[in-house]
Protein backbone atom coordinates (compact mmCIF):
# COMPACT_ATOMS: atom_id res chain seq x y z
CA MET A 1 124.67 73.85 65.29
CA SER A 2 125.95 77.11 63.73
CA LYS A 3 122.46 78.96 64.63
CA LEU A 4 122.90 77.51 68.24
CA LYS A 5 126.64 79.10 68.31
CA GLU A 6 125.32 82.30 67.15
CA ILE A 7 122.64 82.32 69.92
CA ASN A 8 125.10 81.33 72.55
CA ASN A 9 127.60 84.00 71.55
CA GLN A 10 124.95 86.78 71.17
CA THR A 11 123.81 86.07 74.73
CA LYS A 12 127.24 86.17 76.40
CA PHE A 13 127.91 89.20 74.41
CA GLU A 14 124.70 91.29 75.30
CA GLY A 15 125.15 90.31 78.98
CA PHE A 16 122.08 90.21 81.37
CA THR A 17 120.90 91.66 84.71
CA HIS A 18 118.37 89.18 85.31
CA LYS A 19 119.03 86.60 88.12
CA ARG A 20 119.17 83.94 85.68
CA SER A 21 120.42 84.72 82.06
CA MET A 22 118.70 83.17 79.14
CA SER A 23 118.97 83.10 75.11
CA SER A 24 115.99 84.21 73.23
CA PRO A 25 113.26 81.43 72.76
CA PHE A 26 113.27 79.19 69.76
CA LEU A 27 111.63 76.27 68.06
CA LEU A 28 113.73 73.09 66.76
CA THR A 29 112.40 70.94 63.80
CA MET A 30 113.09 67.03 63.38
CA GLU A 31 114.03 65.48 59.85
CA ASP A 32 110.57 64.80 59.45
CA GLY A 33 109.45 68.63 59.71
CA GLU A 34 107.78 68.09 62.74
CA PRO A 35 108.51 70.40 65.86
CA PHE A 36 110.61 68.62 68.55
CA ASP A 37 108.79 68.71 71.93
CA SER A 38 109.34 67.76 75.51
CA TRP A 39 106.86 67.60 78.43
CA VAL A 40 106.83 69.74 81.69
CA PHE A 41 105.37 68.68 84.76
CA PHE A 42 104.37 71.25 87.15
CA GLU A 43 102.15 70.58 90.44
CA ARG A 44 99.12 68.65 88.99
CA SER A 45 99.54 70.09 85.54
CA VAL A 46 101.21 68.64 82.54
CA PHE A 47 102.65 70.87 79.89
CA LYS A 48 103.64 70.23 76.50
CA THR A 49 106.04 72.49 74.88
CA CYS A 50 108.13 72.77 71.90
CA TYR A 51 109.71 76.28 73.05
CA PHE A 52 113.38 75.95 74.40
CA SER A 53 116.32 78.51 75.69
CA LEU A 54 120.06 77.60 75.26
CA SER A 55 121.86 76.55 78.54
CA SER A 56 124.89 75.08 77.11
CA ILE A 57 126.56 73.76 74.01
CA ASN A 58 129.00 71.15 73.25
CA GLU A 59 130.28 71.18 69.72
CA LYS A 60 132.61 68.26 69.85
CA GLN A 61 129.50 65.78 71.10
CA ASN A 62 127.41 67.73 68.94
CA CYS A 63 124.57 68.22 71.63
CA VAL A 64 123.02 71.11 73.83
CA VAL A 65 121.34 71.49 77.13
CA LEU A 66 117.90 73.20 76.89
CA GLU A 67 115.79 74.86 79.28
CA LEU A 68 112.12 74.27 78.57
CA LEU A 69 109.89 77.03 78.70
CA VAL A 70 106.32 76.50 79.65
CA PRO A 71 103.71 78.23 77.11
CA CYS A 72 100.61 79.94 78.96
CA CYS A 73 98.51 77.51 77.62
CA ASN A 74 97.97 74.70 75.10
CA ARG A 75 94.97 76.12 73.53
CA SER A 76 95.39 78.10 69.70
CA THR A 77 92.61 80.29 70.92
CA CYS A 78 94.45 81.73 74.05
CA ARG A 79 95.28 85.33 73.70
CA GLN A 80 98.02 85.60 76.23
CA LYS A 81 100.98 84.42 73.99
CA VAL A 82 103.76 84.26 76.62
CA LEU A 83 106.22 81.93 77.93
CA TYR A 84 107.62 81.29 81.32
CA ARG A 85 110.88 80.02 82.44
CA SER A 86 111.12 76.74 84.17
CA SER A 87 113.88 74.80 86.25
CA SER A 88 113.57 71.55 83.78
CA LYS A 89 116.51 71.08 81.39
CA ILE A 90 117.13 68.27 78.90
CA PHE A 91 120.09 66.98 77.21
CA VAL A 92 119.54 66.93 73.42
CA ASP A 93 121.70 65.11 70.63
CA LEU A 94 121.63 67.37 67.63
CA SER A 95 122.08 64.69 65.28
CA PHE A 96 118.07 63.90 65.39
CA LEU A 97 117.44 67.53 64.37
CA CYS A 98 117.59 69.65 61.19
CA GLY A 99 116.36 73.36 62.03
CA MET A 100 115.67 76.02 64.31
CA MET A 101 113.87 79.01 64.56
CA LYS A 102 113.75 81.88 66.78
CA VAL A 103 110.31 83.03 68.19
CA GLU A 104 109.12 86.59 69.14
CA LEU A 105 107.52 85.85 72.47
CA PRO A 106 108.07 87.29 75.84
CA VAL A 107 109.69 85.32 78.59
CA TYR A 108 109.05 86.10 82.27
CA ASP A 109 110.58 84.44 85.35
CA ALA A 110 107.70 83.89 87.28
CA LEU A 111 104.20 82.87 86.83
CA ILE A 112 101.89 85.94 87.62
CA LEU A 113 98.87 84.82 89.60
CA LYS A 114 95.88 87.23 89.75
CA ASN A 115 92.84 87.41 91.81
CA ILE A 116 90.20 90.03 91.51
CA GLU A 117 88.22 90.77 94.85
CA SER A 118 85.05 93.04 95.22
CA HIS A 119 83.95 94.44 98.25
CA HIS A 120 80.97 96.52 99.33
CA ILE A 121 80.74 97.92 102.61
CA PHE A 122 77.66 99.76 104.40
CA LEU A 123 79.50 102.70 106.45
CA CYS A 124 77.98 104.74 109.65
CA PHE A 125 79.96 107.60 110.53
CA SER A 126 79.48 108.92 114.34
CA THR A 127 80.63 111.68 116.33
CA SER A 128 82.96 109.19 118.27
CA PRO A 129 86.46 110.71 118.64
CA SER A 130 88.36 107.93 117.32
CA SER A 131 88.42 106.42 113.74
CA VAL A 132 87.04 103.05 113.45
CA GLU A 133 88.80 100.23 110.93
CA VAL A 134 86.17 99.22 108.24
CA TRP A 135 88.85 97.01 106.12
CA ARG A 136 92.12 95.33 106.17
CA ASN A 137 94.25 93.28 103.81
CA GLY A 138 94.23 89.90 105.02
CA THR A 139 96.87 88.70 102.65
CA LYS A 140 100.64 89.67 101.69
CA PHE A 141 100.29 89.88 98.13
CA LEU A 142 100.73 93.15 96.31
CA ASN A 143 97.53 94.78 95.28
CA THR A 144 96.15 97.61 93.27
CA ALA A 145 92.71 98.81 94.51
CA THR A 146 90.14 101.12 93.21
CA VAL A 147 88.10 102.49 96.05
CA VAL A 148 84.70 104.50 95.66
CA LEU A 149 82.85 106.45 98.59
CA HIS A 150 79.36 107.20 98.13
CA HIS A 151 77.46 109.71 100.51
CA GLN A 152 74.08 108.17 101.08
CA ASP A 153 72.45 110.22 103.55
CA HIS A 154 70.17 113.22 103.40
CA GLN A 155 72.14 115.21 105.86
CA ASP A 156 74.41 118.13 104.38
CA VAL A 157 77.47 116.44 106.19
CA PRO A 158 80.65 115.31 104.72
CA VAL A 159 81.95 112.30 105.17
CA ALA A 160 85.83 110.60 104.89
CA ILE A 161 87.85 107.61 104.99
CA ARG A 162 91.63 107.21 105.48
CA ILE A 163 93.36 104.78 103.00
CA GLN A 164 96.86 103.54 104.37
CA THR A 165 99.19 101.95 101.73
CA GLY A 166 102.48 100.58 102.36
CA SER A 167 104.12 103.96 101.93
CA PHE A 168 101.31 106.58 102.25
CA CYS A 169 97.98 107.78 103.29
CA TYR A 170 95.18 108.97 101.53
CA ASP A 171 92.06 110.89 102.53
CA LEU A 172 88.75 110.77 100.53
CA LEU A 173 86.11 113.10 101.44
CA VAL A 174 82.80 113.42 99.83
CA GLN A 175 79.89 116.07 100.17
CA LYS A 176 76.31 115.24 100.06
CA GLY A 177 75.22 113.65 96.80
CA GLU A 178 78.69 113.07 95.74
CA SER A 179 80.80 109.94 94.83
CA ARG A 180 84.73 109.96 94.76
CA ALA A 181 86.97 107.13 93.81
CA ILE A 182 90.59 106.63 94.04
CA THR A 183 93.10 103.83 92.52
CA VAL A 184 96.31 103.12 94.79
CA LYS A 185 98.78 100.56 95.10
CA ASP A 186 99.57 98.23 98.21
CA VAL A 187 96.54 99.03 100.35
CA LYS A 188 96.88 97.91 104.13
CA PHE A 189 93.73 99.17 105.68
CA ILE A 190 90.89 101.74 105.70
CA LEU A 191 89.51 103.79 108.55
CA ASN A 192 86.44 105.98 108.46
CA THR A 193 87.08 109.08 110.08
CA PRO A 194 84.79 111.08 112.90
CA SER A 195 81.82 113.11 111.65
CA THR A 196 80.08 116.04 113.08
CA GLU A 197 76.58 114.01 112.78
CA ASN A 198 75.65 110.24 112.35
CA VAL A 199 75.81 109.69 108.43
CA GLN A 200 75.73 106.82 106.43
CA ALA A 201 77.79 105.89 102.98
CA ARG A 202 78.81 103.24 100.92
CA LEU A 203 82.50 101.83 100.17
CA ASP A 204 82.96 99.99 97.14
CA MET A 205 86.18 98.62 96.52
CA GLN A 206 87.87 96.39 93.47
CA ILE A 207 91.18 94.77 94.67
CA ASN A 208 93.61 93.20 92.04
CA MET A 209 95.77 91.05 94.30
CA VAL A 210 99.22 89.86 92.49
CA GLN A 211 101.22 86.98 93.01
CA LYS A 212 104.43 85.66 91.84
CA ARG A 213 105.24 82.09 91.79
CA LYS A 214 108.60 80.66 90.47
CA ILE A 215 108.02 77.42 88.51
CA LYS A 216 110.24 74.67 89.98
CA LEU A 217 110.03 71.37 88.50
């Protein structure tokens, strides 16, 4: 109880700028020395966790309310040692427990889902006065994209594309025999600009899509 009171007082003292404040994560041990754990059900997955955060404490009744923290996975070989917050809480009688230990693991408010997409687009530049859209982001997810433009024509004529992001516009120009790359955030669409001759090029893209999802149980 004394260690939990210390954590509770420290949380109040430090103050938090998060939407939901929380204490440092910790483990609890039972009288037989085994870690105390609980089950978390999320969509079609079930997580067994022994990591908790303190929500409230009642000294008179010798009990606490704990928030369950979801581990990234249950495999010992997992390299991503992080915890995620959940909306699940449990009421625990401290008389069944005999110890606790803080853990130095980062805790995130949302589960980060990442998806890497690759695109290889053959481009034909023409003397048409208008630009042509060659790619558009069909999702609302945040992204970071590496765009590579390869000149693939025998003609000594430069080619250029225009990359439109959420807030900026970038022009990528390459000469004969060249390739150029740029990495930008929040790509919306890409246009190929008019050329002085009919020229061919190739556009390679690697897009890292990022989606944040709250874990609600």
